[in-house]
mmCIF file of all heavy atoms, coordinates in Angstrom:
data_MODEL
# 
_entry.id   MODEL 
# 
loop_
_atom_site.group_PDB 
_atom_site.id 
_atom_site.type_symbol 
_atom_site.label_atom_id 
_atom_site.label_alt_id 
_atom_site.label_comp_id 
_atom_site.label_asym_id 
_atom_site.label_entity_id 
_atom_site.label_seq_id 
_atom_site.pdbx_PDB_ins_code 
_atom_site.Cartn_x 
_atom_site.Cartn_y 
_atom_site.Cartn_z 
_atom_site.occupancy 
_atom_site.B_iso_or_equiv 
_atom_site.pdbx_formal_charge 
_atom_site.auth_seq_id 
_atom_site.auth_comp_id 
_atom_site.auth_asym_id 
_atom_site.auth_atom_id 
_atom_site.pdbx_PDB_model_num 
ATOM 1   N N   . SER A 1 1  ? 93.515 119.903 -17.075 1.00 0.00 ? 1  SER A N   1 
ATOM 2   C CA  . SER A 1 1  ? 93.880 118.658 -17.793 1.00 0.00 ? 1  SER A CA  1 
ATOM 3   C C   . SER A 1 1  ? 93.681 119.027 -19.320 1.00 0.00 ? 1  SER A C   1 
ATOM 4   O O   . SER A 1 1  ? 93.042 120.030 -19.601 1.00 0.00 ? 1  SER A O   1 
ATOM 5   C CB  . SER A 1 1  ? 92.994 117.527 -17.377 1.00 0.00 ? 1  SER A CB  1 
ATOM 6   O OG  . SER A 1 1  ? 91.691 117.654 -17.816 1.00 0.00 ? 1  SER A OG  1 
ATOM 7   N N   . ILE A 1 2  ? 94.106 118.184 -20.130 1.00 0.00 ? 2  ILE A N   1 
ATOM 8   C CA  . ILE A 1 2  ? 94.032 118.427 -21.593 1.00 0.00 ? 2  ILE A CA  1 
ATOM 9   C C   . ILE A 1 2  ? 92.553 118.633 -22.044 1.00 0.00 ? 2  ILE A C   1 
ATOM 10  O O   . ILE A 1 2  ? 92.261 119.494 -22.804 1.00 0.00 ? 2  ILE A O   1 
ATOM 11  C CB  . ILE A 1 2  ? 94.613 117.220 -22.343 1.00 0.00 ? 2  ILE A CB  1 
ATOM 12  C CG1 . ILE A 1 2  ? 96.102 117.265 -22.234 1.00 0.00 ? 2  ILE A CG1 1 
ATOM 13  C CG2 . ILE A 1 2  ? 94.285 117.318 -23.894 1.00 0.00 ? 2  ILE A CG2 1 
ATOM 14  C CD1 . ILE A 1 2  ? 96.775 116.041 -22.786 1.00 0.00 ? 2  ILE A CD1 1 
ATOM 15  N N   . ARG A 1 3  ? 91.703 117.810 -21.465 1.00 0.00 ? 3  ARG A N   1 
ATOM 16  C CA  . ARG A 1 3  ? 90.296 117.857 -21.969 1.00 0.00 ? 3  ARG A CA  1 
ATOM 17  C C   . ARG A 1 3  ? 89.516 118.999 -21.514 1.00 0.00 ? 3  ARG A C   1 
ATOM 18  O O   . ARG A 1 3  ? 88.435 119.343 -22.073 1.00 0.00 ? 3  ARG A O   1 
ATOM 19  C CB  . ARG A 1 3  ? 89.634 116.517 -21.448 1.00 0.00 ? 3  ARG A CB  1 
ATOM 20  C CG  . ARG A 1 3  ? 90.207 115.293 -22.094 1.00 0.00 ? 3  ARG A CG  1 
ATOM 21  C CD  . ARG A 1 3  ? 89.605 114.037 -21.529 1.00 0.00 ? 3  ARG A CD  1 
ATOM 22  N NE  . ARG A 1 3  ? 88.126 113.892 -21.974 1.00 0.00 ? 3  ARG A NE  1 
ATOM 23  C CZ  . ARG A 1 3  ? 87.816 113.333 -23.122 1.00 0.00 ? 3  ARG A CZ  1 
ATOM 24  N NH1 . ARG A 1 3  ? 88.692 112.872 -23.961 1.00 0.00 ? 3  ARG A NH1 1 
ATOM 25  N NH2 . ARG A 1 3  ? 86.515 113.238 -23.385 1.00 0.00 ? 3  ARG A NH2 1 
ATOM 26  N N   . THR A 1 4  ? 89.965 119.707 -20.496 1.00 0.00 ? 4  THR A N   1 
ATOM 27  C CA  . THR A 1 4  ? 89.145 120.821 -19.939 1.00 0.00 ? 4  THR A CA  1 
ATOM 28  C C   . THR A 1 4  ? 88.982 121.954 -20.871 1.00 0.00 ? 4  THR A C   1 
ATOM 29  O O   . THR A 1 4  ? 88.165 122.847 -20.645 1.00 0.00 ? 4  THR A O   1 
ATOM 30  C CB  . THR A 1 4  ? 89.762 121.348 -18.576 1.00 0.00 ? 4  THR A CB  1 
ATOM 31  O OG1 . THR A 1 4  ? 91.156 121.698 -18.846 1.00 0.00 ? 4  THR A OG1 1 
ATOM 32  C CG2 . THR A 1 4  ? 89.671 120.299 -17.529 1.00 0.00 ? 4  THR A CG2 1 
ATOM 33  N N   . GLY A 1 5  ? 89.806 121.985 -21.958 1.00 0.00 ? 5  GLY A N   1 
ATOM 34  C CA  . GLY A 1 5  ? 89.666 123.125 -22.842 1.00 0.00 ? 5  GLY A CA  1 
ATOM 35  C C   . GLY A 1 5  ? 88.509 122.999 -23.743 1.00 0.00 ? 5  GLY A C   1 
ATOM 36  O O   . GLY A 1 5  ? 88.083 123.995 -24.461 1.00 0.00 ? 5  GLY A O   1 
ATOM 37  N N   . TYR A 1 6  ? 87.896 121.881 -23.876 1.00 0.00 ? 6  TYR A N   1 
ATOM 38  C CA  . TYR A 1 6  ? 86.790 121.635 -24.735 1.00 0.00 ? 6  TYR A CA  1 
ATOM 39  C C   . TYR A 1 6  ? 85.579 122.312 -24.371 1.00 0.00 ? 6  TYR A C   1 
ATOM 40  O O   . TYR A 1 6  ? 85.255 122.434 -23.207 1.00 0.00 ? 6  TYR A O   1 
ATOM 41  C CB  . TYR A 1 6  ? 86.454 120.099 -24.893 1.00 0.00 ? 6  TYR A CB  1 
ATOM 42  C CG  . TYR A 1 6  ? 87.613 119.221 -25.323 1.00 0.00 ? 6  TYR A CG  1 
ATOM 43  C CD1 . TYR A 1 6  ? 87.446 117.892 -25.200 1.00 0.00 ? 6  TYR A CD1 1 
ATOM 44  C CD2 . TYR A 1 6  ? 88.730 119.721 -25.874 1.00 0.00 ? 6  TYR A CD2 1 
ATOM 45  C CE1 . TYR A 1 6  ? 88.466 117.004 -25.651 1.00 0.00 ? 6  TYR A CE1 1 
ATOM 46  C CE2 . TYR A 1 6  ? 89.728 118.935 -26.317 1.00 0.00 ? 6  TYR A CE2 1 
ATOM 47  C CZ  . TYR A 1 6  ? 89.574 117.568 -26.167 1.00 0.00 ? 6  TYR A CZ  1 
ATOM 48  O OH  . TYR A 1 6  ? 90.602 116.763 -26.640 1.00 0.00 ? 6  TYR A OH  1 
ATOM 49  N N   . GLY A 1 7  ? 84.774 122.773 -25.314 1.00 0.00 ? 7  GLY A N   1 
ATOM 50  C CA  . GLY A 1 7  ? 83.470 123.301 -25.017 1.00 0.00 ? 7  GLY A CA  1 
ATOM 51  C C   . GLY A 1 7  ? 83.423 124.369 -24.011 1.00 0.00 ? 7  GLY A C   1 
ATOM 52  O O   . GLY A 1 7  ? 84.098 125.405 -24.168 1.00 0.00 ? 7  GLY A O   1 
ATOM 53  N N   . GLU A 1 8  ? 82.732 124.173 -22.916 1.00 0.00 ? 8  GLU A N   1 
ATOM 54  C CA  . GLU A 1 8  ? 82.578 125.170 -21.872 1.00 0.00 ? 8  GLU A CA  1 
ATOM 55  C C   . GLU A 1 8  ? 83.557 125.093 -20.740 1.00 0.00 ? 8  GLU A C   1 
ATOM 56  O O   . GLU A 1 8  ? 83.533 125.887 -19.783 1.00 0.00 ? 8  GLU A O   1 
ATOM 57  C CB  . GLU A 1 8  ? 81.151 125.096 -21.308 1.00 0.00 ? 8  GLU A CB  1 
ATOM 58  C CG  . GLU A 1 8  ? 80.074 125.392 -22.355 1.00 0.00 ? 8  GLU A CG  1 
ATOM 59  C CD  . GLU A 1 8  ? 78.725 125.407 -21.751 1.00 0.00 ? 8  GLU A CD  1 
ATOM 60  O OE1 . GLU A 1 8  ? 78.556 125.131 -20.505 1.00 0.00 ? 8  GLU A OE1 1 
ATOM 61  O OE2 . GLU A 1 8  ? 77.702 125.700 -22.417 1.00 0.00 ? 8  GLU A OE2 1 
ATOM 62  N N   . GLY A 1 9  ? 84.487 124.189 -20.831 1.00 0.00 ? 9  GLY A N   1 
ATOM 63  C CA  . GLY A 1 9  ? 85.492 124.009 -19.790 1.00 0.00 ? 9  GLY A CA  1 
ATOM 64  C C   . GLY A 1 9  ? 84.845 123.530 -18.519 1.00 0.00 ? 9  GLY A C   1 
ATOM 65  O O   . GLY A 1 9  ? 83.811 122.859 -18.521 1.00 0.00 ? 9  GLY A O   1 
ATOM 66  N N   . ARG A 1 10 ? 85.457 123.926 -17.390 1.00 0.00 ? 10 ARG A N   1 
ATOM 67  C CA  . ARG A 1 10 ? 84.940 123.555 -16.041 1.00 0.00 ? 10 ARG A CA  1 
ATOM 68  C C   . ARG A 1 10 ? 83.752 124.417 -15.620 1.00 0.00 ? 10 ARG A C   1 
ATOM 69  O O   . ARG A 1 10 ? 83.643 125.604 -16.052 1.00 0.00 ? 10 ARG A O   1 
ATOM 70  C CB  . ARG A 1 10 ? 86.033 123.665 -15.028 1.00 0.00 ? 10 ARG A CB  1 
ATOM 71  C CG  . ARG A 1 10 ? 87.077 122.478 -15.190 1.00 0.00 ? 10 ARG A CG  1 
ATOM 72  C CD  . ARG A 1 10 ? 86.509 121.186 -14.718 1.00 0.00 ? 10 ARG A CD  1 
ATOM 73  N NE  . ARG A 1 10 ? 86.236 121.345 -13.286 1.00 0.00 ? 10 ARG A NE  1 
ATOM 74  C CZ  . ARG A 1 10 ? 87.016 121.189 -12.296 1.00 0.00 ? 10 ARG A CZ  1 
ATOM 75  N NH1 . ARG A 1 10 ? 88.236 121.013 -12.512 1.00 0.00 ? 10 ARG A NH1 1 
ATOM 76  N NH2 . ARG A 1 10 ? 86.624 121.311 -10.976 1.00 0.00 ? 10 ARG A NH2 1 
ATOM 77  N N   . MET A 1 11 ? 82.945 123.863 -14.727 1.00 0.00 ? 11 MET A N   1 
ATOM 78  C CA  . MET A 1 11 ? 81.812 124.711 -14.108 1.00 0.00 ? 11 MET A CA  1 
ATOM 79  C C   . MET A 1 11 ? 81.905 124.602 -12.614 1.00 0.00 ? 11 MET A C   1 
ATOM 80  O O   . MET A 1 11 ? 82.219 123.533 -12.060 1.00 0.00 ? 11 MET A O   1 
ATOM 81  C CB  . MET A 1 11 ? 80.515 124.196 -14.618 1.00 0.00 ? 11 MET A CB  1 
ATOM 82  C CG  . MET A 1 11 ? 80.243 124.533 -16.079 1.00 0.00 ? 11 MET A CG  1 
ATOM 83  S SD  . MET A 1 11 ? 78.445 124.181 -16.437 1.00 0.00 ? 11 MET A SD  1 
ATOM 84  C CE  . MET A 1 11 ? 78.503 124.639 -18.216 1.00 0.00 ? 11 MET A CE  1 
ATOM 85  N N   . LEU A 1 12 ? 81.482 125.635 -11.961 1.00 0.00 ? 12 LEU A N   1 
ATOM 86  C CA  . LEU A 1 12 ? 81.290 125.635 -10.506 1.00 0.00 ? 12 LEU A CA  1 
ATOM 87  C C   . LEU A 1 12 ? 79.933 126.142 -10.257 1.00 0.00 ? 12 LEU A C   1 
ATOM 88  O O   . LEU A 1 12 ? 79.407 127.039 -10.937 1.00 0.00 ? 12 LEU A O   1 
ATOM 89  C CB  . LEU A 1 12 ? 82.364 126.557 -9.824  1.00 0.00 ? 12 LEU A CB  1 
ATOM 90  C CG  . LEU A 1 12 ? 83.741 126.056 -9.855  1.00 0.00 ? 12 LEU A CG  1 
ATOM 91  C CD1 . LEU A 1 12 ? 84.643 127.185 -9.122  1.00 0.00 ? 12 LEU A CD1 1 
ATOM 92  C CD2 . LEU A 1 12 ? 83.955 124.761 -9.096  1.00 0.00 ? 12 LEU A CD2 1 
ATOM 93  N N   . CYS A 1 13 ? 79.281 125.599 -9.285  1.00 0.00 ? 13 CYS A N   1 
ATOM 94  C CA  . CYS A 1 13 ? 77.938 126.063 -8.827  1.00 0.00 ? 13 CYS A CA  1 
ATOM 95  C C   . CYS A 1 13 ? 78.076 126.870 -7.591  1.00 0.00 ? 13 CYS A C   1 
ATOM 96  O O   . CYS A 1 13 ? 78.713 126.441 -6.672  1.00 0.00 ? 13 CYS A O   1 
ATOM 97  C CB  . CYS A 1 13 ? 77.043 124.866 -8.613  1.00 0.00 ? 13 CYS A CB  1 
ATOM 98  S SG  . CYS A 1 13 ? 75.357 125.304 -7.989  1.00 0.00 ? 13 CYS A SG  1 
ATOM 99  N N   . THR A 1 14 ? 77.519 128.071 -7.616  1.00 0.00 ? 14 THR A N   1 
ATOM 100 C CA  . THR A 1 14 ? 77.757 128.929 -6.435  1.00 0.00 ? 14 THR A CA  1 
ATOM 101 C C   . THR A 1 14 ? 77.024 128.404 -5.203  1.00 0.00 ? 14 THR A C   1 
ATOM 102 O O   . THR A 1 14 ? 77.295 128.957 -4.110  1.00 0.00 ? 14 THR A O   1 
ATOM 103 C CB  . THR A 1 14 ? 77.173 130.343 -6.768  1.00 0.00 ? 14 THR A CB  1 
ATOM 104 O OG1 . THR A 1 14 ? 75.826 130.317 -7.192  1.00 0.00 ? 14 THR A OG1 1 
ATOM 105 C CG2 . THR A 1 14 ? 78.040 131.038 -7.779  1.00 0.00 ? 14 THR A CG2 1 
ATOM 106 N N   . SER A 1 15 ? 76.187 127.426 -5.259  1.00 0.00 ? 15 SER A N   1 
ATOM 107 C CA  . SER A 1 15 ? 75.605 126.900 -4.069  1.00 0.00 ? 15 SER A CA  1 
ATOM 108 C C   . SER A 1 15 ? 76.721 126.314 -3.154  1.00 0.00 ? 15 SER A C   1 
ATOM 109 O O   . SER A 1 15 ? 76.593 126.108 -2.003  1.00 0.00 ? 15 SER A O   1 
ATOM 110 C CB  . SER A 1 15 ? 74.589 125.794 -4.323  1.00 0.00 ? 15 SER A CB  1 
ATOM 111 O OG  . SER A 1 15 ? 75.144 124.685 -4.942  1.00 0.00 ? 15 SER A OG  1 
ATOM 112 N N   . GLU A 1 16 ? 77.868 125.951 -3.828  1.00 0.00 ? 16 GLU A N   1 
ATOM 113 C CA  . GLU A 1 16 ? 78.922 125.373 -3.098  1.00 0.00 ? 16 GLU A CA  1 
ATOM 114 C C   . GLU A 1 16 ? 79.702 126.487 -2.271  1.00 0.00 ? 16 GLU A C   1 
ATOM 115 O O   . GLU A 1 16 ? 80.409 126.204 -1.288  1.00 0.00 ? 16 GLU A O   1 
ATOM 116 C CB  . GLU A 1 16 ? 79.975 124.763 -4.052  1.00 0.00 ? 16 GLU A CB  1 
ATOM 117 C CG  . GLU A 1 16 ? 79.445 123.648 -4.869  1.00 0.00 ? 16 GLU A CG  1 
ATOM 118 C CD  . GLU A 1 16 ? 80.511 123.106 -5.854  1.00 0.00 ? 16 GLU A CD  1 
ATOM 119 O OE1 . GLU A 1 16 ? 81.587 122.850 -5.393  1.00 0.00 ? 16 GLU A OE1 1 
ATOM 120 O OE2 . GLU A 1 16 ? 80.245 123.055 -6.970  1.00 0.00 ? 16 GLU A OE2 1 
ATOM 121 N N   . ILE A 1 17 ? 79.553 127.724 -2.638  1.00 0.00 ? 17 ILE A N   1 
ATOM 122 C CA  . ILE A 1 17 ? 80.324 128.740 -1.935  1.00 0.00 ? 17 ILE A CA  1 
ATOM 123 C C   . ILE A 1 17 ? 79.489 129.796 -1.228  1.00 0.00 ? 17 ILE A C   1 
ATOM 124 O O   . ILE A 1 17 ? 79.952 130.692 -0.624  1.00 0.00 ? 17 ILE A O   1 
ATOM 125 C CB  . ILE A 1 17 ? 81.209 129.531 -2.991  1.00 0.00 ? 17 ILE A CB  1 
ATOM 126 C CG1 . ILE A 1 17 ? 80.401 130.001 -4.263  1.00 0.00 ? 17 ILE A CG1 1 
ATOM 127 C CG2 . ILE A 1 17 ? 82.303 128.592 -3.463  1.00 0.00 ? 17 ILE A CG2 1 
ATOM 128 C CD1 . ILE A 1 17 ? 79.874 131.321 -4.110  1.00 0.00 ? 17 ILE A CD1 1 
ATOM 129 N N   . HIS A 1 18 ? 78.096 129.561 -1.126  1.00 0.00 ? 18 HIS A N   1 
ATOM 130 C CA  . HIS A 1 18 ? 77.268 130.444 -0.410  1.00 0.00 ? 18 HIS A CA  1 
ATOM 131 C C   . HIS A 1 18 ? 77.316 130.023 1.101   1.00 0.00 ? 18 HIS A C   1 
ATOM 132 O O   . HIS A 1 18 ? 77.480 128.857 1.380   1.00 0.00 ? 18 HIS A O   1 
ATOM 133 C CB  . HIS A 1 18 ? 75.803 130.416 -0.858  1.00 0.00 ? 18 HIS A CB  1 
ATOM 134 C CG  . HIS A 1 18 ? 75.592 131.269 -2.057  1.00 0.00 ? 18 HIS A CG  1 
ATOM 135 N ND1 . HIS A 1 18 ? 75.853 132.592 -2.123  1.00 0.00 ? 18 HIS A ND1 1 
ATOM 136 C CD2 . HIS A 1 18 ? 75.144 130.957 -3.310  1.00 0.00 ? 18 HIS A CD2 1 
ATOM 137 C CE1 . HIS A 1 18 ? 75.580 132.995 -3.346  1.00 0.00 ? 18 HIS A CE1 1 
ATOM 138 N NE2 . HIS A 1 18 ? 75.138 132.128 -4.069  1.00 0.00 ? 18 HIS A NE2 1 
ATOM 139 N N   . LYS A 1 19 ? 77.249 130.965 1.999   1.00 0.00 ? 19 LYS A N   1 
ATOM 140 C CA  . LYS A 1 19 ? 77.186 130.619 3.455   1.00 0.00 ? 19 LYS A CA  1 
ATOM 141 C C   . LYS A 1 19 ? 75.787 130.091 3.696   1.00 0.00 ? 19 LYS A C   1 
ATOM 142 O O   . LYS A 1 19 ? 74.788 130.835 3.743   1.00 0.00 ? 19 LYS A O   1 
ATOM 143 C CB  . LYS A 1 19 ? 77.502 131.886 4.270   1.00 0.00 ? 19 LYS A CB  1 
ATOM 144 C CG  . LYS A 1 19 ? 78.862 132.341 4.121   1.00 0.00 ? 19 LYS A CG  1 
ATOM 145 C CD  . LYS A 1 19 ? 79.085 133.641 4.945   1.00 0.00 ? 19 LYS A CD  1 
ATOM 146 C CE  . LYS A 1 19 ? 80.465 134.200 4.711   1.00 0.00 ? 19 LYS A CE  1 
ATOM 147 N NZ  . LYS A 1 19 ? 80.753 135.409 5.440   1.00 0.00 ? 19 LYS A NZ  1 
ATOM 148 N N   . ARG A 1 20 ? 75.627 128.823 3.882   1.00 0.00 ? 20 ARG A N   1 
ATOM 149 C CA  . ARG A 1 20 ? 74.382 128.168 4.023   1.00 0.00 ? 20 ARG A CA  1 
ATOM 150 C C   . ARG A 1 20 ? 74.013 127.906 5.462   1.00 0.00 ? 20 ARG A C   1 
ATOM 151 O O   . ARG A 1 20 ? 74.884 127.772 6.364   1.00 0.00 ? 20 ARG A O   1 
ATOM 152 C CB  . ARG A 1 20 ? 74.393 126.795 3.294   1.00 0.00 ? 20 ARG A CB  1 
ATOM 153 C CG  . ARG A 1 20 ? 74.409 126.919 1.725   1.00 0.00 ? 20 ARG A CG  1 
ATOM 154 C CD  . ARG A 1 20 ? 73.513 127.899 1.263   1.00 0.00 ? 20 ARG A CD  1 
ATOM 155 N NE  . ARG A 1 20 ? 73.108 127.739 -0.163  1.00 0.00 ? 20 ARG A NE  1 
ATOM 156 C CZ  . ARG A 1 20 ? 72.351 128.565 -0.781  1.00 0.00 ? 20 ARG A CZ  1 
ATOM 157 N NH1 . ARG A 1 20 ? 71.917 129.640 -0.249  1.00 0.00 ? 20 ARG A NH1 1 
ATOM 158 N NH2 . ARG A 1 20 ? 72.041 128.371 -2.130  1.00 0.00 ? 20 ARG A NH2 1 
ATOM 159 N N   . PHE A 1 21 ? 72.738 127.699 5.768   1.00 0.00 ? 21 PHE A N   1 
ATOM 160 C CA  . PHE A 1 21 ? 72.267 127.317 7.037   1.00 0.00 ? 21 PHE A CA  1 
ATOM 161 C C   . PHE A 1 21 ? 72.595 125.936 7.214   1.00 0.00 ? 21 PHE A C   1 
ATOM 162 O O   . PHE A 1 21 ? 72.760 125.150 6.267   1.00 0.00 ? 21 PHE A O   1 
ATOM 163 C CB  . PHE A 1 21 ? 70.818 127.588 7.210   1.00 0.00 ? 21 PHE A CB  1 
ATOM 164 C CG  . PHE A 1 21 ? 69.882 126.960 6.250   1.00 0.00 ? 21 PHE A CG  1 
ATOM 165 C CD1 . PHE A 1 21 ? 69.421 125.703 6.410   1.00 0.00 ? 21 PHE A CD1 1 
ATOM 166 C CD2 . PHE A 1 21 ? 69.464 127.647 5.061   1.00 0.00 ? 21 PHE A CD2 1 
ATOM 167 C CE1 . PHE A 1 21 ? 68.601 125.102 5.507   1.00 0.00 ? 21 PHE A CE1 1 
ATOM 168 C CE2 . PHE A 1 21 ? 68.664 127.040 4.154   1.00 0.00 ? 21 PHE A CE2 1 
ATOM 169 C CZ  . PHE A 1 21 ? 68.289 125.696 4.348   1.00 0.00 ? 21 PHE A CZ  1 
ATOM 170 N N   . GLN A 1 22 ? 72.669 125.519 8.436   1.00 0.00 ? 22 GLN A N   1 
ATOM 171 C CA  . GLN A 1 22 ? 73.091 124.041 8.728   1.00 0.00 ? 22 GLN A CA  1 
ATOM 172 C C   . GLN A 1 22 ? 72.168 123.083 8.085   1.00 0.00 ? 22 GLN A C   1 
ATOM 173 O O   . GLN A 1 22 ? 70.909 123.147 8.230   1.00 0.00 ? 22 GLN A O   1 
ATOM 174 C CB  . GLN A 1 22 ? 73.151 123.838 10.215  1.00 0.00 ? 22 GLN A CB  1 
ATOM 175 C CG  . GLN A 1 22 ? 73.741 122.472 10.577  1.00 0.00 ? 22 GLN A CG  1 
ATOM 176 C CD  . GLN A 1 22 ? 73.880 122.321 12.097  1.00 0.00 ? 22 GLN A CD  1 
ATOM 177 O OE1 . GLN A 1 22 ? 73.497 123.281 12.834  1.00 0.00 ? 22 GLN A OE1 1 
ATOM 178 N NE2 . GLN A 1 22 ? 74.367 121.217 12.542  1.00 0.00 ? 22 GLN A NE2 1 
ATOM 179 N N   . GLY A 1 23 ? 72.676 122.068 7.437   1.00 0.00 ? 23 GLY A N   1 
ATOM 180 C CA  . GLY A 1 23 ? 71.763 121.083 6.870   1.00 0.00 ? 23 GLY A CA  1 
ATOM 181 C C   . GLY A 1 23 ? 71.355 121.288 5.449   1.00 0.00 ? 23 GLY A C   1 
ATOM 182 O O   . GLY A 1 23 ? 70.704 120.429 4.822   1.00 0.00 ? 23 GLY A O   1 
ATOM 183 N N   . SER A 1 24 ? 71.679 122.419 4.879   1.00 0.00 ? 24 SER A N   1 
ATOM 184 C CA  . SER A 1 24 ? 71.250 122.718 3.503   1.00 0.00 ? 24 SER A CA  1 
ATOM 185 C C   . SER A 1 24 ? 72.105 121.911 2.530   1.00 0.00 ? 24 SER A C   1 
ATOM 186 O O   . SER A 1 24 ? 73.199 121.550 2.816   1.00 0.00 ? 24 SER A O   1 
ATOM 187 C CB  . SER A 1 24 ? 71.323 124.231 3.212   1.00 0.00 ? 24 SER A CB  1 
ATOM 188 O OG  . SER A 1 24 ? 72.694 124.603 3.213   1.00 0.00 ? 24 SER A OG  1 
ATOM 189 N N   . ALA A 1 25 ? 71.508 121.704 1.353   1.00 0.00 ? 25 ALA A N   1 
ATOM 190 C CA  . ALA A 1 25 ? 72.270 120.906 0.390   1.00 0.00 ? 25 ALA A CA  1 
ATOM 191 C C   . ALA A 1 25 ? 71.637 121.178 -1.015  1.00 0.00 ? 25 ALA A C   1 
ATOM 192 O O   . ALA A 1 25 ? 70.557 121.864 -1.116  1.00 0.00 ? 25 ALA A O   1 
ATOM 193 C CB  . ALA A 1 25 ? 72.210 119.424 0.626   1.00 0.00 ? 25 ALA A CB  1 
ATOM 194 N N   . GLY A 1 26 ? 72.301 120.761 -2.063  1.00 0.00 ? 26 GLY A N   1 
ATOM 195 C CA  . GLY A 1 26 ? 71.826 120.880 -3.352  1.00 0.00 ? 26 GLY A CA  1 
ATOM 196 C C   . GLY A 1 26 ? 72.362 122.037 -4.118  1.00 0.00 ? 26 GLY A C   1 
ATOM 197 O O   . GLY A 1 26 ? 73.125 122.935 -3.546  1.00 0.00 ? 26 GLY A O   1 
ATOM 198 N N   . CYS A 1 27 ? 72.164 122.056 -5.405  1.00 0.00 ? 27 CYS A N   1 
ATOM 199 C CA  . CYS A 1 27 ? 72.693 123.078 -6.289  1.00 0.00 ? 27 CYS A CA  1 
ATOM 200 C C   . CYS A 1 27 ? 71.476 123.866 -6.816  1.00 0.00 ? 27 CYS A C   1 
ATOM 201 O O   . CYS A 1 27 ? 70.667 123.392 -7.501  1.00 0.00 ? 27 CYS A O   1 
ATOM 202 C CB  . CYS A 1 27 ? 73.448 122.425 -7.425  1.00 0.00 ? 27 CYS A CB  1 
ATOM 203 S SG  . CYS A 1 27 ? 74.173 123.611 -8.577  1.00 0.00 ? 27 CYS A SG  1 
ATOM 204 N N   . LEU A 1 28 ? 71.471 125.162 -6.399  1.00 0.00 ? 28 LEU A N   1 
ATOM 205 C CA  . LEU A 1 28 ? 70.297 126.007 -6.851  1.00 0.00 ? 28 LEU A CA  1 
ATOM 206 C C   . LEU A 1 28 ? 70.507 126.619 -8.282  1.00 0.00 ? 28 LEU A C   1 
ATOM 207 O O   . LEU A 1 28 ? 71.609 126.925 -8.563  1.00 0.00 ? 28 LEU A O   1 
ATOM 208 C CB  . LEU A 1 28 ? 70.124 127.108 -5.833  1.00 0.00 ? 28 LEU A CB  1 
ATOM 209 C CG  . LEU A 1 28 ? 69.893 126.613 -4.402  1.00 0.00 ? 28 LEU A CG  1 
ATOM 210 C CD1 . LEU A 1 28 ? 69.767 127.830 -3.428  1.00 0.00 ? 28 LEU A CD1 1 
ATOM 211 C CD2 . LEU A 1 28 ? 68.683 125.749 -4.304  1.00 0.00 ? 28 LEU A CD2 1 
# 
């Protein structure tokens, strides 16, 4: 979107893409 170019742009946290054990949550 237009606004995403500002500052640091978008961010992703790798806790979303690690293979986690069942029931884990949160952003490390």
